[in-house]
Amino acid sequence: MPRINISSKEVERVLRKHGFQIVGRKGGSHQQFKGIINAKKRRVTVLANKKDFDIKTFRSMVRQSGIKENDFFD
């Protein structure tokens, strides 16, 4: 499976920049963020402490967030 070079810390930084807040942690391996994008409530699950993600996992987080994929790489 192809991987994308973005860490969980970078994903968290972008989510916080767009107004998301951490609302939960599951066993230390997953973090959940809540936010509102385009007047729609969103919940995003991010795997903690990852240095890179499978492309499908990353795109799933992008889809959950409602943020454009390009915003994660600016």
PDB file of N, CA and C in Angstrom:
ATOM      1  N   MET A   1       0.850  -1.178   0.000  1.00  0.00           N
ATOM      2  CA  MET A   1       0.000   0.000   0.000  1.00  0.00           C
ATOM      3  C   MET A   1       0.899   1.245   0.000  1.00  0.00           C
ATOM      4  N   PRO A   2       0.664   2.196  -0.899  1.00  0.00           N
ATOM      5  CA  PRO A   2       1.472   3.418  -0.919  1.00  0.00           C
ATOM      6  C   PRO A   2       1.276   4.229   0.359  1.00  0.00           C
ATOM      7  N   ARG A   3       2.328   4.912   0.767  1.00  0.00           N
ATOM      8  CA  ARG A   3       2.287   5.707   1.987  1.00  0.00           C
ATOM      9  C   ARG A   3       2.462   7.181   1.643  1.00  0.00           C
ATOM     10  N   ILE A   4       1.957   8.031   2.527  1.00  0.00           N
ATOM     11  CA  ILE A   4       2.081   9.477   2.344  1.00  0.00           C
ATOM     12  C   ILE A   4       2.883  10.026   3.517  1.00  0.00           C
ATOM     13  N   ASN A   5       3.796  10.912   3.230  1.00  0.00           N
ATOM     14  CA  ASN A   5       4.729  11.404   4.234  1.00  0.00           C
ATOM     15  C   ASN A   5       4.158  12.609   4.982  1.00  0.00           C
ATOM     16  N   ILE A   6       3.263  12.328   5.933  1.00  0.00           N
ATOM     17  CA  ILE A   6       2.718  13.356   6.813  1.00  0.00           C
ATOM     18  C   ILE A   6       2.521  12.702   8.179  1.00  0.00           C
ATOM     19  N   SER A   7       2.941  13.379   9.219  1.00  0.00           N
ATOM     20  CA  SER A   7       2.860  12.789  10.559  1.00  0.00           C
ATOM     21  C   SER A   7       1.530  13.131  11.222  1.00  0.00           C
ATOM     22  N   SER A   8       1.225  12.405  12.275  1.00  0.00           N
ATOM     23  CA  SER A   8      -0.009  12.671  13.022  1.00  0.00           C
ATOM     24  C   SER A   8       0.049  14.048  13.678  1.00  0.00           C
ATOM     25  N   LYS A   9       1.237  14.512  14.052  1.00  0.00           N
ATOM     26  CA  LYS A   9       1.387  15.853  14.637  1.00  0.00           C
ATOM     27  C   LYS A   9       1.020  16.928  13.626  1.00  0.00           C
ATOM     28  N   GLU A  10       1.413  16.738  12.369  1.00  0.00           N
ATOM     29  CA  GLU A  10       1.076  17.699  11.318  1.00  0.00           C
ATOM     30  C   GLU A  10      -0.426  17.705  11.045  1.00  0.00           C
ATOM     31  N   VAL A  11      -1.041  16.528  11.028  1.00  0.00           N
ATOM     32  CA  VAL A  11      -2.494  16.442  10.828  1.00  0.00           C
ATOM     33  C   VAL A  11      -3.200  17.157  11.972  1.00  0.00           C
ATOM     34  N   GLU A  12      -2.748  16.920  13.198  1.00  0.00           N
ATOM     35  CA  GLU A  12      -3.341  17.569  14.367  1.00  0.00           C
ATOM     36  C   GLU A  12      -3.201  19.090  14.272  1.00  0.00           C
ATOM     37  N   ARG A  13      -2.057  19.577  13.823  1.00  0.00           N
ATOM     38  CA  ARG A  13      -1.815  21.012  13.694  1.00  0.00           C
ATOM     39  C   ARG A  13      -2.796  21.642  12.702  1.00  0.00           C
ATOM     40  N   VAL A  14      -3.021  20.991  11.568  1.00  0.00           N
ATOM     41  CA  VAL A  14      -3.955  21.506  10.553  1.00  0.00           C
ATOM     42  C   VAL A  14      -5.383  21.508  11.090  1.00  0.00           C
ATOM     43  N   LEU A  15      -5.763  20.430  11.780  1.00  0.00           N
ATOM     44  CA  LEU A  15      -7.115  20.364  12.348  1.00  0.00           C
ATOM     45  C   LEU A  15      -7.334  21.489  13.358  1.00  0.00           C
ATOM     46  N   ARG A  16      -6.369  21.698  14.239  1.00  0.00           N
ATOM     47  CA  ARG A  16      -6.493  22.767  15.247  1.00  0.00           C
ATOM     48  C   ARG A  16      -6.546  24.145  14.578  1.00  0.00           C
ATOM     49  N   LYS A  17      -5.787  24.315  13.511  1.00  0.00           N
ATOM     50  CA  LYS A  17      -5.784  25.579  12.765  1.00  0.00           C
ATOM     51  C   LYS A  17      -7.173  25.891  12.202  1.00  0.00           C
ATOM     52  N   HIS A  18      -7.929  24.847  11.861  1.00  0.00           N
ATOM     53  CA  HIS A  18      -9.275  25.018  11.318  1.00  0.00           C
ATOM     54  C   HIS A  18     -10.360  24.947  12.397  1.00  0.00           C
ATOM     55  N   GLY A  19      -9.967  25.005  13.670  1.00  0.00           N
ATOM     56  CA  GLY A  19     -10.939  25.101  14.753  1.00  0.00           C
ATOM     57  C   GLY A  19     -11.348  23.798  15.407  1.00  0.00           C
ATOM     58  N   PHE A  20     -10.710  22.695  15.053  1.00  0.00           N
ATOM     59  CA  PHE A  20     -11.048  21.413  15.681  1.00  0.00           C
ATOM     60  C   PHE A  20     -10.436  21.347  17.080  1.00  0.00           C
ATOM     61  N   GLN A  21     -11.121  20.633  17.960  1.00  0.00           N
ATOM     62  CA  GLN A  21     -10.635  20.427  19.323  1.00  0.00           C
ATOM     63  C   GLN A  21     -10.628  18.946  19.626  1.00  0.00           C
ATOM     64  N   ILE A  22      -9.655  18.527  20.423  1.00  0.00           N
ATOM     65  CA  ILE A  22      -9.579  17.114  20.798  1.00  0.00           C
ATOM     66  C   ILE A  22     -10.682  16.823  21.816  1.00  0.00           C
ATOM     67  N   VAL A  23     -11.412  15.728  21.585  1.00  0.00           N
ATOM     68  CA  VAL A  23     -12.521  15.386  22.483  1.00  0.00           C
ATOM     69  C   VAL A  23     -12.352  14.012  23.110  1.00  0.00           C
ATOM     70  N   GLY A  24     -11.413  13.241  22.640  1.00  0.00           N
ATOM     71  CA  GLY A  24     -11.235  11.925  23.230  1.00  0.00           C
ATOM     72  C   GLY A  24     -10.010  11.217  22.725  1.00  0.00           C
ATOM     73  N   ARG A  25      -9.624  10.234  23.509  1.00  0.00           N
ATOM     74  CA  ARG A  25      -8.472   9.417  23.179  1.00  0.00           C
ATOM     75  C   ARG A  25      -8.849   7.982  23.489  1.00  0.00           C
ATOM     76  N   LYS A  26      -8.528   7.083  22.597  1.00  0.00           N
ATOM     77  CA  LYS A  26      -8.902   5.692  22.796  1.00  0.00           C
ATOM     78  C   LYS A  26      -7.640   4.847  22.922  1.00  0.00           C
ATOM     79  N   GLY A  27      -7.334   4.449  24.137  1.00  0.00           N
ATOM     80  CA  GLY A  27      -6.201   3.568  24.368  1.00  0.00           C
ATOM     81  C   GLY A  27      -4.853   4.154  23.998  1.00  0.00           C
ATOM     82  N   GLY A  28      -4.778   5.455  23.800  1.00  0.00           N
ATOM     83  CA  GLY A  28      -3.516   6.086  23.456  1.00  0.00           C
ATOM     84  C   GLY A  28      -3.131   5.949  21.995  1.00  0.00           C
ATOM     85  N   SER A  29      -3.870   5.157  21.218  1.00  0.00           N
ATOM     86  CA  SER A  29      -3.483   4.958  19.828  1.00  0.00           C
ATOM     87  C   SER A  29      -4.329   5.772  18.856  1.00  0.00           C
ATOM     88  N   HIS A  30      -5.467   6.277  19.287  1.00  0.00           N
ATOM     89  CA  HIS A  30      -6.346   7.065  18.430  1.00  0.00           C
ATOM     90  C   HIS A  30      -6.791   8.319  19.180  1.00  0.00           C
ATOM     91  N   GLN A  31      -6.883   9.430  18.444  1.00  0.00           N
ATOM     92  CA  GLN A  31      -7.398  10.670  19.001  1.00  0.00           C
ATOM     93  C   GLN A  31      -8.613  11.070  18.181  1.00  0.00           C
ATOM     94  N   GLN A  32      -9.608  11.642  18.847  1.00  0.00           N
ATOM     95  CA  GLN A  32     -10.784  12.120  18.125  1.00  0.00           C
ATOM     96  C   GLN A  32     -10.878  13.624  18.266  1.00  0.00           C
ATOM     97  N   PHE A  33     -11.150  14.282  17.141  1.00  0.00           N
ATOM     98  CA  PHE A  33     -11.286  15.724  17.091  1.00  0.00           C
ATOM     99  C   PHE A  33     -12.687  16.067  16.602  1.00  0.00           C
ATOM    100  N   LYS A  34     -13.237  17.155  17.149  1.00  0.00           N
ATOM    101  CA  LYS A  34     -14.536  17.655  16.704  1.00  0.00           C
ATOM    102  C   LYS A  34     -14.365  19.081  16.224  1.00  0.00           C
ATOM    103  N   GLY A  35     -15.115  19.413  15.187  1.00  0.00           N
ATOM    104  CA  GLY A  35     -15.089  20.768  14.665  1.00  0.00           C
ATOM    105  C   GLY A  35     -16.269  21.005  13.751  1.00  0.00           C
ATOM    106  N   ILE A  36     -16.392  22.249  13.304  1.00  0.00           N
ATOM    107  CA  ILE A  36     -17.460  22.612  12.380  1.00  0.00           C
ATOM    108  C   ILE A  36     -16.821  23.213  11.140  1.00  0.00           C
ATOM    109  N   ILE A  37     -17.093  22.605  10.004  1.00  0.00           N
ATOM    110  CA  ILE A  37     -16.601  23.079   8.714  1.00  0.00           C
ATOM    111  C   ILE A  37     -17.812  23.259   7.807  1.00  0.00           C
ATOM    112  N   ASN A  38     -17.931  24.444   7.218  1.00  0.00           N
ATOM    113  CA  ASN A  38     -19.050  24.760   6.320  1.00  0.00           C
ATOM    114  C   ASN A  38     -20.399  24.468   6.977  1.00  0.00           C
ATOM    115  N   ALA A  39     -20.556  24.889   8.219  1.00  0.00           N
ATOM    116  CA  ALA A  39     -21.795  24.745   8.988  1.00  0.00           C
ATOM    117  C   ALA A  39     -22.206  23.285   9.193  1.00  0.00           C
ATOM    118  N   LYS A  40     -21.246  22.382   9.151  1.00  0.00           N
ATOM    119  CA  LYS A  40     -21.535  20.963   9.369  1.00  0.00           C
ATOM    120  C   LYS A  40     -20.592  20.431  10.447  1.00  0.00           C
ATOM    121  N   LYS A  41     -21.162  19.754  11.443  1.00  0.00           N
ATOM    122  CA  LYS A  41     -20.352  19.166  12.504  1.00  0.00           C
ATOM    123  C   LYS A  41     -19.533  18.014  11.948  1.00  0.00           C
ATOM    124  N   ARG A  42     -18.275  17.956  12.332  1.00  0.00           N
ATOM    125  CA  ARG A  42     -17.363  16.917  11.851  1.00  0.00           C
ATOM    126  C   ARG A  42     -16.661  16.254  13.018  1.00  0.00           C
ATOM    127  N   ARG A  43     -16.382  14.973  12.860  1.00  0.00           N
ATOM    128  CA  ARG A  43     -15.586  14.223  13.831  1.00  0.00           C
ATOM    129  C   ARG A  43     -14.528  13.471  13.044  1.00  0.00           C
ATOM    130  N   VAL A  44     -13.270  13.645  13.463  1.00  0.00           N
ATOM    131  CA  VAL A  44     -12.142  13.030  12.763  1.00  0.00           C
ATOM    132  C   VAL A  44     -11.365  12.160  13.741  1.00  0.00           C
ATOM    133  N   THR A  45     -11.074  10.945  13.333  1.00  0.00           N
ATOM    134  CA  THR A  45     -10.242  10.041  14.126  1.00  0.00           C
ATOM    135  C   THR A  45      -8.853  10.008  13.516  1.00  0.00           C
ATOM    136  N   VAL A  46      -7.833  10.285  14.349  1.00  0.00           N
ATOM    137  CA  VAL A  46      -6.444  10.323  13.894  1.00  0.00           C
ATOM    138  C   VAL A  46      -5.643   9.311  14.700  1.00  0.00           C
ATOM    139  N   LEU A  47      -4.876   8.478  14.011  1.00  0.00           N
ATOM    140  CA  LEU A  47      -3.981   7.558  14.695  1.00  0.00           C
ATOM    141  C   LEU A  47      -2.843   8.364  15.305  1.00  0.00           C
ATOM    142  N   ALA A  48      -2.578   8.185  16.583  1.00  0.00           N
ATOM    143  CA  ALA A  48      -1.551   8.956  17.275  1.00  0.00           C
ATOM    144  C   ALA A  48      -0.164   8.372  17.020  1.00  0.00           C
ATOM    145  N   ASN A  49       0.820   9.237  17.059  1.00  0.00           N
ATOM    146  CA  ASN A  49       2.239   8.869  16.980  1.00  0.00           C
ATOM    147  C   ASN A  49       2.611   8.122  15.708  1.00  0.00           C
ATOM    148  N   LYS A  50       2.074   8.555  14.575  1.00  0.00           N
ATOM    149  CA  LYS A  50       2.432   7.963  13.285  1.00  0.00           C
ATOM    150  C   LYS A  50       3.330   8.942  12.539  1.00  0.00           C
ATOM    151  N   LYS A  51       4.315   8.416  11.832  1.00  0.00           N
ATOM    152  CA  LYS A  51       5.205   9.257  11.036  1.00  0.00           C
ATOM    153  C   LYS A  51       4.734   9.365   9.598  1.00  0.00           C
ATOM    154  N   ASP A  52       4.006   8.371   9.126  1.00  0.00           N
ATOM    155  CA  ASP A  52       3.400   8.421   7.798  1.00  0.00           C
ATOM    156  C   ASP A  52       2.178   7.508   7.790  1.00  0.00           C
ATOM    157  N   PHE A  53       1.273   7.787   6.858  1.00  0.00           N
ATOM    158  CA  PHE A  53       0.007   7.068   6.798  1.00  0.00           C
ATOM    159  C   PHE A  53      -0.134   6.366   5.456  1.00  0.00           C
ATOM    160  N   ASP A  54      -0.916   5.286   5.445  1.00  0.00           N
ATOM    161  CA  ASP A  54      -1.358   4.720   4.170  1.00  0.00           C
ATOM    162  C   ASP A  54      -2.187   5.792   3.485  1.00  0.00           C
ATOM    163  N   ILE A  55      -2.142   5.829   2.179  1.00  0.00           N
ATOM    164  CA  ILE A  55      -2.853   6.855   1.417  1.00  0.00           C
ATOM    165  C   ILE A  55      -4.358   6.784   1.682  1.00  0.00           C
ATOM    166  N   LYS A  56      -4.907   5.583   1.818  1.00  0.00           N
ATOM    167  CA  LYS A  56      -6.350   5.446   2.081  1.00  0.00           C
ATOM    168  C   LYS A  56      -6.717   5.982   3.459  1.00  0.00           C
ATOM    169  N   THR A  57      -5.880   5.736   4.447  1.00  0.00           N
ATOM    170  CA  THR A  57      -6.132   6.225   5.800  1.00  0.00           C
ATOM    171  C   THR A  57      -6.103   7.746   5.816  1.00  0.00           C
ATOM    172  N   PHE A  58      -5.106   8.320   5.147  1.00  0.00           N
ATOM    173  CA  PHE A  58      -5.005   9.775   5.092  1.00  0.00           C
ATOM    174  C   PHE A  58      -6.214  10.384   4.399  1.00  0.00           C
ATOM    175  N   ARG A  59      -6.611   9.827   3.272  1.00  0.00           N
ATOM    176  CA  ARG A  59      -7.765  10.369   2.540  1.00  0.00           C
ATOM    177  C   ARG A  59      -9.054  10.225   3.344  1.00  0.00           C
ATOM    178  N   SER A  60      -9.157   9.189   4.157  1.00  0.00           N
ATOM    179  CA  SER A  60     -10.311   9.019   5.021  1.00  0.00           C
ATOM    180  C   SER A  60     -10.374  10.147   6.058  1.00  0.00           C
ATOM    181  N   MET A  61      -9.215  10.502   6.637  1.00  0.00           N
ATOM    182  CA  MET A  61      -9.173  11.600   7.609  1.00  0.00           C
ATOM    183  C   MET A  61      -9.538  12.918   6.933  1.00  0.00           C
ATOM    184  N   VAL A  62      -9.056  13.124   5.708  1.00  0.00           N
ATOM    185  CA  VAL A  62      -9.373  14.343   4.964  1.00  0.00           C
ATOM    186  C   VAL A  62     -10.877  14.408   4.702  1.00  0.00           C
ATOM    187  N   ARG A  63     -11.455  13.304   4.274  1.00  0.00           N
ATOM    188  CA  ARG A  63     -12.892  13.251   3.992  1.00  0.00           C
ATOM    189  C   ARG A  63     -13.705  13.515   5.271  1.00  0.00           C
ATOM    190  N   GLN A  64     -13.297  12.925   6.382  1.00  0.00           N
ATOM    191  CA  GLN A  64     -13.997  13.126   7.647  1.00  0.00           C
ATOM    192  C   GLN A  64     -13.949  14.593   8.072  1.00  0.00           C
ATOM    193  N   SER A  65     -12.827  15.253   7.807  1.00  0.00           N
ATOM    194  CA  SER A  65     -12.642  16.630   8.271  1.00  0.00           C
ATOM    195  C   SER A  65     -13.378  17.656   7.424  1.00  0.00           C
ATOM    196  N   GLY A  66     -13.535  17.390   6.127  1.00  0.00           N
ATOM    197  CA  GLY A  66     -14.148  18.369   5.242  1.00  0.00           C
ATOM    198  C   GLY A  66     -13.188  19.452   4.794  1.00  0.00           C
ATOM    199  N   ILE A  67     -11.916  19.308   5.135  1.00  0.00           N
ATOM    200  CA  ILE A  67     -10.874  20.258   4.745  1.00  0.00           C
ATOM    201  C   ILE A  67     -10.257  19.769   3.441  1.00  0.00           C
ATOM    202  N   LYS A  68      -9.869  20.681   2.579  1.00  0.00           N
ATOM    203  CA  LYS A  68      -9.247  20.296   1.317  1.00  0.00           C
ATOM    204  C   LYS A  68      -7.891  19.634   1.567  1.00  0.00           C
ATOM    205  N   GLU A  69      -7.580  18.625   0.772  1.00  0.00           N
ATOM    206  CA  GLU A  69      -6.335  17.871   0.938  1.00  0.00           C
ATOM    207  C   GLU A  69      -5.105  18.774   0.829  1.00  0.00           C
ATOM    208  N   ASN A  70      -5.152  19.770  -0.032  1.00  0.00           N
ATOM    209  CA  ASN A  70      -4.015  20.674  -0.222  1.00  0.00           C
ATOM    210  C   ASN A  70      -3.685  21.460   1.042  1.00  0.00           C
ATOM    211  N   ASP A  71      -4.684  21.723   1.889  1.00  0.00           N
ATOM    212  CA  ASP A  71      -4.456  22.466   3.125  1.00  0.00           C
ATOM    213  C   ASP A  71      -3.560  21.708   4.095  1.00  0.00           C
ATOM    214  N   PHE A  72      -3.467  20.403   3.946  1.00  0.00           N
ATOM    215  CA  PHE A  72      -2.610  19.616   4.829  1.00  0.00           C
ATOM    216  C   PHE A  72      -1.134  19.722   4.445  1.00  0.00           C
ATOM    217  N   PHE A  73      -0.846  20.258   3.264  1.00  0.00           N
ATOM    218  CA  PHE A  73       0.537  20.324   2.796  1.00  0.00           C
ATOM    219  C   PHE A  73       1.054  21.745   2.637  1.00  0.00           C
ATOM    220  N   ASP A  74       0.293  22.749   3.068  1.00  0.00           N
ATOM    221  CA  ASP A  74       0.758  24.148   2.981  1.00  0.00           C
ATOM    222  C   ASP A  74       1.662  24.503   4.131  1.00  0.00           C
TER     223      ASP A  74
END
